[in-house]
Amino acid sequence: HTRFPLGLYENQADEFATYLLTASEERGIDEPTEWFLARCG
């Protein structure tokens, strides 16, 4: 019923999920992003 891009909502949900799942973890100073994300699932 709308012309609103669904991708915006999906990107926002991905962003929220990423921040929620990393909220309890500290990223190491030199830790690569891929390692940090893998460690957080």
Full PDB file with SEQRES, HELIX, SHEET, SSBOND, CRYST1, ORIGX, SCALE, CONECT and MASTER records, all heavy atoms in Angstrom:
SEQRES   1 A   41  HIS THR ARG PHE PRO LEU GLY LEU TYR GLU ASN GLN ALA          
SEQRES   2 A   41  ASP GLU PHE ALA THR TYR LEU LEU THR ALA SER GLU GLU          
SEQRES   3 A   41  ARG GLY ILE ASP GLU PRO THR GLU TRP PHE LEU ALA ARG          
SEQRES   4 A   41  CYS GLY                                                      
HELIX    1 AA1 LEU A    6  THR A   22  1                                  17    
HELIX    2 AA2 THR A   33  CYS A   40  1                                   8    
CRYST1    1.000    1.000    1.000  90.00  90.00  90.00 P 1           1          
ORIGX1      1.000000  0.000000  0.000000        0.00000                         
ORIGX2      0.000000  1.000000  0.000000        0.00000                         
ORIGX3      0.000000  0.000000  1.000000        0.00000                         
SCALE1      1.000000  0.000000  0.000000        0.00000                         
SCALE2      0.000000  1.000000  0.000000        0.00000                         
SCALE3      0.000000  0.000000  1.000000        0.00000                         
ATOM      1  N   HIS A   1       0.778  -1.233   0.000  1.00  0.00           N  
ATOM      2  CA  HIS A   1       0.000   0.000   0.000  1.00  0.00           C  
ATOM      3  C   HIS A   1       0.816   1.292   0.000  1.00  0.00           C  
ATOM      4  O   HIS A   1       0.235   2.364   0.041  1.00  0.00           O  
ATOM      5  CB  HIS A   1      -0.955   0.010   1.199  1.00  0.00           C  
ATOM      6  CG  HIS A   1      -1.903  -1.145   1.203  1.00  0.00           C  
ATOM      7  ND1 HIS A   1      -2.968  -1.241   0.342  1.00  0.00           N  
ATOM      8  CD2 HIS A   1      -1.922  -2.277   1.942  1.00  0.00           C  
ATOM      9  CE1 HIS A   1      -3.608  -2.370   0.568  1.00  0.00           C  
ATOM     10  NE2 HIS A   1      -2.997  -3.022   1.532  1.00  0.00           N  
ATOM     11  N   THR A   2       2.121   1.206   0.000  1.00  0.00           N  
ATOM     12  CA  THR A   2       2.910   2.433  -0.020  1.00  0.00           C  
ATOM     13  C   THR A   2       4.018   2.312  -1.056  1.00  0.00           C  
ATOM     14  O   THR A   2       4.281   1.238  -1.580  1.00  0.00           O  
ATOM     15  CB  THR A   2       3.576   2.724   1.347  1.00  0.00           C  
ATOM     16  OG1 THR A   2       4.652   1.808   1.552  1.00  0.00           O  
ATOM     17  CG2 THR A   2       2.594   2.636   2.490  1.00  0.00           C  
ATOM     18  N   ARG A   3       4.663   3.403  -1.300  1.00  0.00           N  
ATOM     19  CA  ARG A   3       5.836   3.402  -2.175  1.00  0.00           C  
ATOM     20  C   ARG A   3       7.112   3.586  -1.347  1.00  0.00           C  
ATOM     21  O   ARG A   3       8.166   3.885  -1.871  1.00  0.00           O  
ATOM     22  CB  ARG A   3       5.715   4.522  -3.211  1.00  0.00           C  
ATOM     23  CG  ARG A   3       4.566   4.344  -4.153  1.00  0.00           C  
ATOM     24  CD  ARG A   3       4.601   5.420  -5.225  1.00  0.00           C  
ATOM     25  NE  ARG A   3       3.408   5.426  -6.032  1.00  0.00           N  
ATOM     26  CZ  ARG A   3       3.209   4.640  -7.070  1.00  0.00           C  
ATOM     27  NH1 ARG A   3       4.125   3.787  -7.433  1.00  0.00           N  
ATOM     28  NH2 ARG A   3       2.084   4.727  -7.749  1.00  0.00           N  
ATOM     29  N   PHE A   4       6.978   3.408  -0.048  1.00  0.00           N  
ATOM     30  CA  PHE A   4       8.104   3.605   0.847  1.00  0.00           C  
ATOM     31  C   PHE A   4       9.105   2.473   0.665  1.00  0.00           C  
ATOM     32  O   PHE A   4       8.720   1.312   0.580  1.00  0.00           O  
ATOM     33  CB  PHE A   4       7.600   3.647   2.297  1.00  0.00           C  
ATOM     34  CG  PHE A   4       8.539   4.335   3.232  1.00  0.00           C  
ATOM     35  CD1 PHE A   4       8.609   5.718   3.275  1.00  0.00           C  
ATOM     36  CD2 PHE A   4       9.375   3.610   4.060  1.00  0.00           C  
ATOM     37  CE1 PHE A   4       9.473   6.355   4.123  1.00  0.00           C  
ATOM     38  CE2 PHE A   4      10.251   4.237   4.907  1.00  0.00           C  
ATOM     39  CZ  PHE A   4      10.294   5.622   4.948  1.00  0.00           C  
ATOM     40  N   PRO A   5      10.389   2.796   0.599  1.00  0.00           N  
ATOM     41  CA  PRO A   5      11.397   1.742   0.394  1.00  0.00           C  
ATOM     42  C   PRO A   5      11.545   0.857   1.633  1.00  0.00           C  
ATOM     43  O   PRO A   5      11.903   1.326   2.702  1.00  0.00           O  
ATOM     44  CB  PRO A   5      12.678   2.522   0.119  1.00  0.00           C  
ATOM     45  CG  PRO A   5      12.470   3.852   0.748  1.00  0.00           C  
ATOM     46  CD  PRO A   5      10.988   4.119   0.677  1.00  0.00           C  
ATOM     47  N   LEU A   6      11.246  -0.400   1.487  1.00  0.00           N  
ATOM     48  CA  LEU A   6      11.344  -1.355   2.590  1.00  0.00           C  
ATOM     49  C   LEU A   6      12.778  -1.492   3.081  1.00  0.00           C  
ATOM     50  O   LEU A   6      13.018  -1.755   4.256  1.00  0.00           O  
ATOM     51  CB  LEU A   6      10.802  -2.708   2.128  1.00  0.00           C  
ATOM     52  CG  LEU A   6      10.588  -3.769   3.190  1.00  0.00           C  
ATOM     53  CD1 LEU A   6       9.604  -3.267   4.245  1.00  0.00           C  
ATOM     54  CD2 LEU A   6      10.085  -5.038   2.562  1.00  0.00           C  
ATOM     55  N   GLY A   7      13.745  -1.278   2.203  1.00  0.00           N  
ATOM     56  CA  GLY A   7      15.148  -1.412   2.568  1.00  0.00           C  
ATOM     57  C   GLY A   7      15.556  -0.504   3.710  1.00  0.00           C  
ATOM     58  O   GLY A   7      16.422  -0.862   4.507  1.00  0.00           O  
ATOM     59  N   LEU A   8      14.946   0.659   3.832  1.00  0.00           N  
ATOM     60  CA  LEU A   8      15.261   1.569   4.930  1.00  0.00           C  
ATOM     61  C   LEU A   8      14.971   0.914   6.266  1.00  0.00           C  
ATOM     62  O   LEU A   8      15.797   0.949   7.186  1.00  0.00           O  
ATOM     63  CB  LEU A   8      14.468   2.872   4.793  1.00  0.00           C  
ATOM     64  CG  LEU A   8      14.599   3.853   5.963  1.00  0.00           C  
ATOM     65  CD1 LEU A   8      16.029   4.367   6.070  1.00  0.00           C  
ATOM     66  CD2 LEU A   8      13.622   4.996   5.809  1.00  0.00           C  
ATOM     67  N   TYR A   9      13.806   0.287   6.403  1.00  0.00           N  
ATOM     68  CA  TYR A   9      13.447  -0.385   7.653  1.00  0.00           C  
ATOM     69  C   TYR A   9      14.378  -1.563   7.936  1.00  0.00           C  
ATOM     70  O   TYR A   9      14.746  -1.810   9.080  1.00  0.00           O  
ATOM     71  CB  TYR A   9      11.996  -0.873   7.606  1.00  0.00           C  
ATOM     72  CG  TYR A   9      10.988   0.240   7.676  1.00  0.00           C  
ATOM     73  CD1 TYR A   9       9.946   0.300   6.770  1.00  0.00           C  
ATOM     74  CD2 TYR A   9      11.071   1.233   8.643  1.00  0.00           C  
ATOM     75  CE1 TYR A   9       9.008   1.309   6.824  1.00  0.00           C  
ATOM     76  CE2 TYR A   9      10.141   2.253   8.703  1.00  0.00           C  
ATOM     77  CZ  TYR A   9       9.105   2.287   7.793  1.00  0.00           C  
ATOM     78  OH  TYR A   9       8.184   3.282   7.855  1.00  0.00           O  
ATOM     79  N   GLU A  10      14.735  -2.291   6.904  1.00  0.00           N  
ATOM     80  CA  GLU A  10      15.635  -3.432   7.088  1.00  0.00           C  
ATOM     81  C   GLU A  10      17.023  -2.964   7.525  1.00  0.00           C  
ATOM     82  O   GLU A  10      17.639  -3.574   8.400  1.00  0.00           O  
ATOM     83  CB  GLU A  10      15.715  -4.270   5.807  1.00  0.00           C  
ATOM     84  CG  GLU A  10      14.401  -4.925   5.425  1.00  0.00           C  
ATOM     85  CD  GLU A  10      13.832  -5.800   6.529  1.00  0.00           C  
ATOM     86  OE1 GLU A  10      14.570  -6.620   7.110  1.00  0.00           O  
ATOM     87  OE2 GLU A  10      12.624  -5.664   6.824  1.00  0.00           O  
ATOM     88  N   ASN A  11      17.515  -1.886   6.928  1.00  0.00           N  
ATOM     89  CA  ASN A  11      18.817  -1.344   7.330  1.00  0.00           C  
ATOM     90  C   ASN A  11      18.790  -0.849   8.770  1.00  0.00           C  
ATOM     91  O   ASN A  11      19.749  -1.049   9.522  1.00  0.00           O  
ATOM     92  CB  ASN A  11      19.252  -0.219   6.391  1.00  0.00           C  
ATOM     93  CG  ASN A  11      19.721  -0.735   5.053  1.00  0.00           C  
ATOM     94  OD1 ASN A  11      20.200  -1.860   4.941  1.00  0.00           O  
ATOM     95  ND2 ASN A  11      19.571   0.074   4.031  1.00  0.00           N  
ATOM     96  N   GLN A  12      17.701  -0.192   9.166  1.00  0.00           N  
ATOM     97  CA  GLN A  12      17.581   0.277  10.544  1.00  0.00           C  
ATOM     98  C   GLN A  12      17.554  -0.898  11.515  1.00  0.00           C  
ATOM     99  O   GLN A  12      18.179  -0.851  12.575  1.00  0.00           O  
ATOM    100  CB  GLN A  12      16.321   1.128  10.711  1.00  0.00           C  
ATOM    101  CG  GLN A  12      16.408   2.474  10.061  1.00  0.00           C  
ATOM    102  CD  GLN A  12      15.113   3.261  10.160  1.00  0.00           C  
ATOM    103  OE1 GLN A  12      14.048   2.725  10.443  1.00  0.00           O  
ATOM    104  NE2 GLN A  12      15.214   4.569   9.927  1.00  0.00           N  
ATOM    105  N   ALA A  13      16.845  -1.964  11.163  1.00  0.00           N  
ATOM    106  CA  ALA A  13      16.789  -3.151  12.024  1.00  0.00           C  
ATOM    107  C   ALA A  13      18.161  -3.817  12.117  1.00  0.00           C  
ATOM    108  O   ALA A  13      18.564  -4.262  13.199  1.00  0.00           O  
ATOM    109  CB  ALA A  13      15.742  -4.128  11.508  1.00  0.00           C  
ATOM    110  N   ASP A  14      18.894  -3.866  11.007  1.00  0.00           N  
ATOM    111  CA  ASP A  14      20.258  -4.420  11.035  1.00  0.00           C  
ATOM    112  C   ASP A  14      21.160  -3.578  11.930  1.00  0.00           C  
ATOM    113  O   ASP A  14      21.957  -4.113  12.715  1.00  0.00           O  
ATOM    114  CB  ASP A  14      20.853  -4.464   9.623  1.00  0.00           C  
ATOM    115  CG  ASP A  14      20.313  -5.598   8.772  1.00  0.00           C  
ATOM    116  OD1 ASP A  14      19.698  -6.530   9.324  1.00  0.00           O  
ATOM    117  OD2 ASP A  14      20.508  -5.537   7.543  1.00  0.00           O  
ATOM    118  N   GLU A  15      21.054  -2.270  11.813  1.00  0.00           N  
ATOM    119  CA  GLU A  15      21.869  -1.372  12.625  1.00  0.00           C  
ATOM    120  C   GLU A  15      21.558  -1.547  14.109  1.00  0.00           C  
ATOM    121  O   GLU A  15      22.460  -1.664  14.941  1.00  0.00           O  
ATOM    122  CB  GLU A  15      21.631   0.075  12.195  1.00  0.00           C  
ATOM    123  CG  GLU A  15      22.472   1.086  12.943  1.00  0.00           C  
ATOM    124  CD  GLU A  15      22.229   2.513  12.468  1.00  0.00           C  
ATOM    125  OE1 GLU A  15      21.482   2.747  11.504  1.00  0.00           O  
ATOM    126  OE2 GLU A  15      22.810   3.419  13.097  1.00  0.00           O  
ATOM    127  N   PHE A  16      20.278  -1.599  14.456  1.00  0.00           N  
ATOM    128  CA  PHE A  16      19.858  -1.794  15.841  1.00  0.00           C  
ATOM    129  C   PHE A  16      20.405  -3.117  16.378  1.00  0.00           C  
ATOM    130  O   PHE A  16      20.951  -3.179  17.481  1.00  0.00           O  
ATOM    131  CB  PHE A  16      18.331  -1.775  15.926  1.00  0.00           C  
ATOM    132  CG  PHE A  16      17.783  -1.913  17.322  1.00  0.00           C  
ATOM    133  CD1 PHE A  16      17.452  -0.789  18.050  1.00  0.00           C  
ATOM    134  CD2 PHE A  16      17.583  -3.158  17.891  1.00  0.00           C  
ATOM    135  CE1 PHE A  16      16.934  -0.899  19.334  1.00  0.00           C  
ATOM    136  CE2 PHE A  16      17.072  -3.285  19.166  1.00  0.00           C  
ATOM    137  CZ  PHE A  16      16.741  -2.151  19.895  1.00  0.00           C  
ATOM    138  N   ALA A  17      20.249  -4.189  15.601  1.00  0.00           N  
ATOM    139  CA  ALA A  17      20.722  -5.510  16.015  1.00  0.00           C  
ATOM    140  C   ALA A  17      22.231  -5.495  16.246  1.00  0.00           C  
ATOM    141  O   ALA A  17      22.729  -6.063  17.226  1.00  0.00           O  
ATOM    142  CB  ALA A  17      20.350  -6.557  14.966  1.00  0.00           C  
ATOM    143  N   THR A  18      22.962  -4.840  15.371  1.00  0.00           N  
ATOM    144  CA  THR A  18      24.420  -4.760  15.507  1.00  0.00           C  
ATOM    145  C   THR A  18      24.802  -4.033  16.795  1.00  0.00           C  
ATOM    146  O   THR A  18      25.648  -4.494  17.558  1.00  0.00           O  
ATOM    147  CB  THR A  18      25.038  -4.062  14.282  1.00  0.00           C  
ATOM    148  OG1 THR A  18      24.707  -4.821  13.115  1.00  0.00           O  
ATOM    149  CG2 THR A  18      26.548  -3.949  14.409  1.00  0.00           C  
ATOM    150  N   TYR A  19      24.172  -2.895  17.055  1.00  0.00           N  
ATOM    151  CA  TYR A  19      24.479  -2.146  18.277  1.00  0.00           C  
ATOM    152  C   TYR A  19      24.053  -2.910  19.530  1.00  0.00           C  
ATOM    153  O   TYR A  19      24.766  -2.897  20.540  1.00  0.00           O  
ATOM    154  CB  TYR A  19      23.827  -0.767  18.256  1.00  0.00           C  
ATOM    155  CG  TYR A  19      24.527   0.214  17.356  1.00  0.00           C  
ATOM    156  CD1 TYR A  19      23.826   0.932  16.402  1.00  0.00           C  
ATOM    157  CD2 TYR A  19      25.898   0.423  17.445  1.00  0.00           C  
ATOM    158  CE1 TYR A  19      24.461   1.836  15.574  1.00  0.00           C  
ATOM    159  CE2 TYR A  19      26.545   1.320  16.611  1.00  0.00           C  
ATOM    160  CZ  TYR A  19      25.818   2.030  15.687  1.00  0.00           C  
ATOM    161  OH  TYR A  19      26.459   2.919  14.866  1.00  0.00           O  
ATOM    162  N   LEU A  20      22.921  -3.582  19.475  1.00  0.00           N  
ATOM    163  CA  LEU A  20      22.472  -4.341  20.644  1.00  0.00           C  
ATOM    164  C   LEU A  20      23.439  -5.479  20.955  1.00  0.00           C  
ATOM    165  O   LEU A  20      23.843  -5.663  22.106  1.00  0.00           O  
ATOM    166  CB  LEU A  20      21.065  -4.896  20.415  1.00  0.00           C  
ATOM    167  CG  LEU A  20      20.502  -5.730  21.569  1.00  0.00           C  
ATOM    168  CD1 LEU A  20      20.327  -4.875  22.825  1.00  0.00           C  
ATOM    169  CD2 LEU A  20      19.177  -6.367  21.165  1.00  0.00           C  
ATOM    170  N   LEU A  21      23.825  -6.226  19.947  1.00  0.00           N  
ATOM    171  CA  LEU A  21      24.684  -7.388  20.166  1.00  0.00           C  
ATOM    172  C   LEU A  21      26.123  -7.022  20.514  1.00  0.00           C  
ATOM    173  O   LEU A  21      26.871  -7.852  21.025  1.00  0.00           O  
ATOM    174  CB  LEU A  21      24.648  -8.305  18.942  1.00  0.00           C  
ATOM    175  CG  LEU A  21      23.278  -8.940  18.664  1.00  0.00           C  
ATOM    176  CD1 LEU A  21      23.311  -9.722  17.360  1.00  0.00           C  
ATOM    177  CD2 LEU A  21      22.833  -9.823  19.821  1.00  0.00           C  
ATOM    178  N   THR A  22      26.518  -5.786  20.246  1.00  0.00           N  
ATOM    179  CA  THR A  22      27.874  -5.350  20.620  1.00  0.00           C  
ATOM    180  C   THR A  22      27.876  -4.510  21.898  1.00  0.00           C  
ATOM    181  O   THR A  22      28.944  -4.124  22.365  1.00  0.00           O  
ATOM    182  CB  THR A  22      28.532  -4.527  19.485  1.00  0.00           C  
ATOM    183  OG1 THR A  22      27.721  -3.388  19.190  1.00  0.00           O  
ATOM    184  CG2 THR A  22      28.742  -5.364  18.243  1.00  0.00           C  
ATOM    185  N   ALA A  23      26.713  -4.259  22.468  1.00  0.00           N  
ATOM    186  CA  ALA A  23      26.607  -3.364  23.629  1.00  0.00           C  
ATOM    187  C   ALA A  23      27.398  -3.860  24.836  1.00  0.00           C  
ATOM    188  O   ALA A  23      27.921  -3.058  25.608  1.00  0.00           O  
ATOM    189  CB  ALA A  23      25.148  -3.164  24.012  1.00  0.00           C  
ATOM    190  N   SER A  24      27.531  -5.161  24.998  1.00  0.00           N  
ATOM    191  CA  SER A  24      28.221  -5.694  26.170  1.00  0.00           C  
ATOM    192  C   SER A  24      29.699  -5.992  25.900  1.00  0.00           C  
ATOM    193  O   SER A  24      30.401  -6.493  26.785  1.00  0.00           O  
ATOM    194  CB  SER A  24      27.531  -6.971  26.654  1.00  0.00           C  
ATOM    195  OG  SER A  24      27.607  -7.968  25.655  1.00  0.00           O  
ATOM    196  N   GLU A  25      30.156  -5.677  24.717  1.00  0.00           N  
ATOM    197  CA  GLU A  25      31.537  -5.995  24.334  1.00  0.00           C  
ATOM    198  C   GLU A  25      32.347  -4.726  24.079  1.00  0.00           C  
ATOM    199  O   GLU A  25      31.830  -3.754  23.556  1.00  0.00           O  
ATOM    200  CB  GLU A  25      31.552  -6.848  23.060  1.00  0.00           C  
ATOM    201  CG  GLU A  25      30.862  -8.175  23.201  1.00  0.00           C  
ATOM    202  CD  GLU A  25      31.575  -9.123  24.130  1.00  0.00           C  
ATOM    203  OE1 GLU A  25      32.818  -9.048  24.229  1.00  0.00           O  
ATOM    204  OE2 GLU A  25      30.895  -9.947  24.757  1.00  0.00           O  
ATOM    205  N   GLU A  26      33.606  -4.784  24.440  1.00  0.00           N  
ATOM    206  CA  GLU A  26      34.541  -3.704  24.132  1.00  0.00           C  
ATOM    207  C   GLU A  26      35.403  -4.150  22.960  1.00  0.00           C  
ATOM    208  O   GLU A  26      35.938  -5.254  22.963  1.00  0.00           O  
ATOM    209  CB  GLU A  26      35.430  -3.391  25.337  1.00  0.00           C  
ATOM    210  CG  GLU A  26      34.708  -2.719  26.482  1.00  0.00           C  
ATOM    211  CD  GLU A  26      34.276  -1.305  26.152  1.00  0.00           C  
ATOM    212  OE1 GLU A  26      35.018  -0.599  25.427  1.00  0.00           O  
ATOM    213  OE2 GLU A  26      33.186  -0.915  26.603  1.00  0.00           O  
ATOM    214  N   ARG A  27      35.536  -3.280  21.991  1.00  0.00           N  
ATOM    215  CA  ARG A  27      36.386  -3.588  20.839  1.00  0.00           C  
ATOM    216  C   ARG A  27      37.830  -3.287  21.203  1.00  0.00           C  
ATOM    217  O   ARG A  27      38.144  -2.227  21.748  1.00  0.00           O  
ATOM    218  CB  ARG A  27      35.952  -2.751  19.652  1.00  0.00           C  
ATOM    219  CG  ARG A  27      36.702  -3.075  18.390  1.00  0.00           C  
ATOM    220  CD  ARG A  27      36.105  -2.328  17.227  1.00  0.00           C  
ATOM    221  NE  ARG A  27      36.888  -2.569  16.027  1.00  0.00           N  
ATOM    222  CZ  ARG A  27      36.684  -1.963  14.893  1.00  0.00           C  
ATOM    223  NH1 ARG A  27      35.704  -1.090  14.782  1.00  0.00           N  
ATOM    224  NH2 ARG A  27      37.433  -2.210  13.853  1.00  0.00           N  
ATOM    225  N   GLY A  28      38.721  -4.230  20.907  1.00  0.00           N  
ATOM    226  CA  GLY A  28      40.134  -4.030  21.157  1.00  0.00           C  
ATOM    227  C   GLY A  28      40.681  -2.881  20.337  1.00  0.00           C  
ATOM    228  O   GLY A  28      40.179  -2.592  19.246  1.00  0.00           O  
ATOM    229  N   ILE A  29      41.703  -2.238  20.836  1.00  0.00           N  
ATOM    230  CA  ILE A  29      42.281  -1.065  20.173  1.00  0.00           C  
ATOM    231  C   ILE A  29      42.663  -1.359  18.726  1.00  0.00           C  
ATOM    232  O   ILE A  29      42.334  -0.605  17.827  1.00  0.00           O  
ATOM    233  CB  ILE A  29      43.501  -0.540  20.958  1.00  0.00           C  
ATOM    234  CG1 ILE A  29      43.045  -0.034  22.324  1.00  0.00           C  
ATOM    235  CG2 ILE A  29      44.208   0.559  20.187  1.00  0.00           C  
ATOM    236  CD1 ILE A  29      44.191   0.309  23.273  1.00  0.00           C  
ATOM    237  N   ASP A  30      43.363  -2.454  18.502  1.00  0.00           N  
ATOM    238  CA  ASP A  30      43.797  -2.804  17.148  1.00  0.00           C  
ATOM    239  C   ASP A  30      42.993  -3.964  16.558  1.00  0.00           C  
ATOM    240  O   ASP A  30      43.416  -4.557  15.562  1.00  0.00           O  
ATOM    241  CB  ASP A  30      45.284  -3.169  17.159  1.00  0.00           C  
ATOM    242  CG  ASP A  30      46.162  -1.974  17.501  1.00  0.00           C  
ATOM    243  OD1 ASP A  30      45.778  -0.846  17.140  1.00  0.00           O  
ATOM    244  OD2 ASP A  30      47.219  -2.172  18.125  1.00  0.00           O  
ATOM    245  N   GLU A  31      41.861  -4.272  17.164  1.00  0.00           N  
ATOM    246  CA  GLU A  31      41.070  -5.412  16.709  1.00  0.00           C  
ATOM    247  C   GLU A  31      40.360  -5.078  15.390  1.00  0.00           C  
ATOM    248  O   GLU A  31      39.622  -4.097  15.309  1.00  0.00           O  
ATOM    249  CB  GLU A  31      40.020  -5.776  17.772  1.00  0.00           C  
ATOM    250  CG  GLU A  31      39.208  -6.996  17.435  1.00  0.00           C  
ATOM    251  CD  GLU A  31      38.244  -7.383  18.543  1.00  0.00           C  
ATOM    252  OE1 GLU A  31      37.917  -6.518  19.397  1.00  0.00           O  
ATOM    253  OE2 GLU A  31      37.812  -8.534  18.546  1.00  0.00           O  
ATOM    254  N   PRO A  32      40.582  -5.883  14.364  1.00  0.00           N  
ATOM    255  CA  PRO A  32      39.885  -5.649  13.095  1.00  0.00           C  
ATOM    256  C   PRO A  32      38.365  -5.787  13.263  1.00  0.00           C  
ATOM    257  O   PRO A  32      37.893  -6.589  14.073  1.00  0.00           O  
ATOM    258  CB  PRO A  32      40.427  -6.755  12.181  1.00  0.00           C  
ATOM    259  CG  PRO A  32      41.710  -7.179  12.810  1.00  0.00           C  
ATOM    260  CD  PRO A  32      41.528  -6.988  14.282  1.00  0.00           C  
ATOM    261  N   THR A  33      37.643  -5.012  12.499  1.00  0.00           N  
ATOM    262  CA  THR A  33      36.185  -5.016  12.587  1.00  0.00           C  
ATOM    263  C   THR A  33      35.621  -6.420  12.384  1.00  0.00           C  
ATOM    264  O   THR A  33      34.716  -6.839  13.112  1.00  0.00           O  
ATOM    265  CB  THR A  33      35.589  -4.066  11.525  1.00  0.00           C  
ATOM    266  OG1 THR A  33      36.099  -2.748  11.752  1.00  0.00           O  
ATOM    267  CG2 THR A  33      34.079  -4.039  11.580  1.00  0.00           C  
ATOM    268  N   GLU A  34      36.162  -7.163  11.433  1.00  0.00           N  
ATOM    269  CA  GLU A  34      35.658  -8.502  11.145  1.00  0.00           C  
ATOM    270  C   GLU A  34      35.800  -9.423  12.354  1.00  0.00           C  
ATOM    271  O   GLU A  34      34.918 -10.227  12.638  1.00  0.00           O  
ATOM    272  CB  GLU A  34      36.385  -9.119   9.934  1.00  0.00           C  
ATOM    273  CG  GLU A  34      36.113  -8.408   8.631  1.00  0.00           C  
ATOM    274  CD  GLU A  34      36.903  -7.106   8.474  1.00  0.00           C  
ATOM    275  OE1 GLU A  34      37.941  -6.912   9.150  1.00  0.00           O  
ATOM    276  OE2 GLU A  34      36.467  -6.260   7.674  1.00  0.00           O  
ATOM    277  N   TRP A  35      36.900  -9.315  13.089  1.00  0.00           N  
ATOM    278  CA  TRP A  35      37.115 -10.134  14.280  1.00  0.00           C  
ATOM    279  C   TRP A  35      36.135  -9.754  15.375  1.00  0.00           C  
ATOM    280  O   TRP A  35      35.586 -10.608  16.058  1.00  0.00           O  
ATOM    281  CB  TRP A  35      38.536  -9.986  14.789  1.00  0.00           C  
ATOM    282  CG  TRP A  35      39.597 -10.534  13.878  1.00  0.00           C  
ATOM    283  CD1 TRP A  35      39.431 -11.042  12.612  1.00  0.00           C  
ATOM    284  CD2 TRP A  35      40.978 -10.618  14.157  1.00  0.00           C  
ATOM    285  NE1 TRP A  35      40.636 -11.420  12.094  1.00  0.00           N  
ATOM    286  CE2 TRP A  35      41.611 -11.181  13.022  1.00  0.00           C  
ATOM    287  CE3 TRP A  35      41.766 -10.268  15.249  1.00  0.00           C  
ATOM    288  CZ2 TRP A  35      42.965 -11.416  12.958  1.00  0.00           C  
ATOM    289  CZ3 TRP A  35      43.119 -10.502  15.187  1.00  0.00           C  
ATOM    290  CH2 TRP A  35      43.723 -11.065  14.054  1.00  0.00           C  
ATOM    291  N   PHE A  36      35.953  -8.449  15.554  1.00  0.00           N  
ATOM    292  CA  PHE A  36      35.031  -7.962  16.574  1.00  0.00           C  
ATOM    293  C   PHE A  36      33.614  -8.460  16.290  1.00  0.00           C  
ATOM    294  O   PHE A  36      32.935  -8.975  17.188  1.00  0.00           O  
ATOM    295  CB  PHE A  36      35.070  -6.435  16.619  1.00  0.00           C  
ATOM    296  CG  PHE A  36      34.097  -5.813  17.571  1.00  0.00           C  
ATOM    297  CD1 PHE A  36      34.193  -6.047  18.940  1.00  0.00           C  
ATOM    298  CD2 PHE A  36      33.090  -4.977  17.115  1.00  0.00           C  
ATOM    299  CE1 PHE A  36      33.294  -5.468  19.833  1.00  0.00           C  
ATOM    300  CE2 PHE A  36      32.192  -4.389  17.994  1.00  0.00           C  
ATOM    301  CZ  PHE A  36      32.297  -4.639  19.355  1.00  0.00           C  
ATOM    302  N   LEU A  37      33.173  -8.334  15.047  1.00  0.00           N  
ATOM    303  CA  LEU A  37      31.837  -8.789  14.693  1.00  0.00           C  
ATOM    304  C   LEU A  37      31.702 -10.300  14.868  1.00  0.00           C  
ATOM    305  O   LEU A  37      30.692 -10.776  15.395  1.00  0.00           O  
ATOM    306  CB  LEU A  37      31.490  -8.382  13.265  1.00  0.00           C  
ATOM    307  CG  LEU A  37      31.350  -6.888  13.014  1.00  0.00           C  
ATOM    308  CD1 LEU A  37      31.088  -6.610  11.534  1.00  0.00           C  
ATOM    309  CD2 LEU A  37      30.252  -6.285  13.867  1.00  0.00           C  
ATOM    310  N   ALA A  38      32.702 -11.051  14.453  1.00  0.00           N  
ATOM    311  CA  ALA A  38      32.667 -12.504  14.603  1.00  0.00           C  
ATOM    312  C   ALA A  38      32.583 -12.893  16.084  1.00  0.00           C  
ATOM    313  O   ALA A  38      31.831 -13.800  16.454  1.00  0.00           O  
ATOM    314  CB  ALA A  38      33.894 -13.134  13.951  1.00  0.00           C  
ATOM    315  N   ARG A  39      33.330 -12.190  16.904  1.00  0.00           N  
ATOM    316  CA  ARG A  39      33.314 -12.461  18.351  1.00  0.00           C  
ATOM    317  C   ARG A  39      31.935 -12.198  18.951  1.00  0.00           C  
ATOM    318  O   ARG A  39      31.515 -12.860  19.899  1.00  0.00           O  
ATOM    319  CB  ARG A  39      34.378 -11.592  19.034  1.00  0.00           C  
ATOM    320  CG  ARG A  39      34.564 -11.857  20.492  1.00  0.00           C  
ATOM    321  CD  ARG A  39      35.873 -11.287  21.026  1.00  0.00           C  
ATOM    322  NE  ARG A  39      36.137  -9.908  20.706  1.00  0.00           N  
ATOM    323  CZ  ARG A  39      35.694  -8.855  21.422  1.00  0.00           C  
ATOM    324  NH1 ARG A  39      34.933  -9.049  22.455  1.00  0.00           N  
ATOM    325  NH2 ARG A  39      36.027  -7.625  21.078  1.00  0.00           N  
ATOM    326  N   CYS A  40      31.209 -11.246  18.377  1.00  0.00           N  
ATOM    327  CA  CYS A  40      29.875 -10.883  18.866  1.00  0.00           C  
ATOM    328  C   CYS A  40      28.761 -11.661  18.157  1.00  0.00           C  
ATOM    329  O   CYS A  40      27.584 -11.466  18.467  1.00  0.00           O  
ATOM    330  CB  CYS A  40      29.645  -9.383  18.679  1.00  0.00           C  
ATOM    331  SG  CYS A  40      30.763  -8.360  19.653  1.00  0.00           S  
ATOM    332  N   GLY A  41      29.122 -12.513  17.195  1.00  0.00           N  
ATOM    333  CA  GLY A  41      28.126 -13.299  16.483  1.00  0.00           C  
ATOM    334  C   GLY A  41      27.327 -12.514  15.471  1.00  0.00           C  
ATOM    335  O   GLY A  41      26.147 -12.776  15.251  1.00  0.00           O  
TER     336      GLY A  41                                                      
MASTER        0    0    0    2    0    0    0    6  335    1    0    4          
END                                                                             
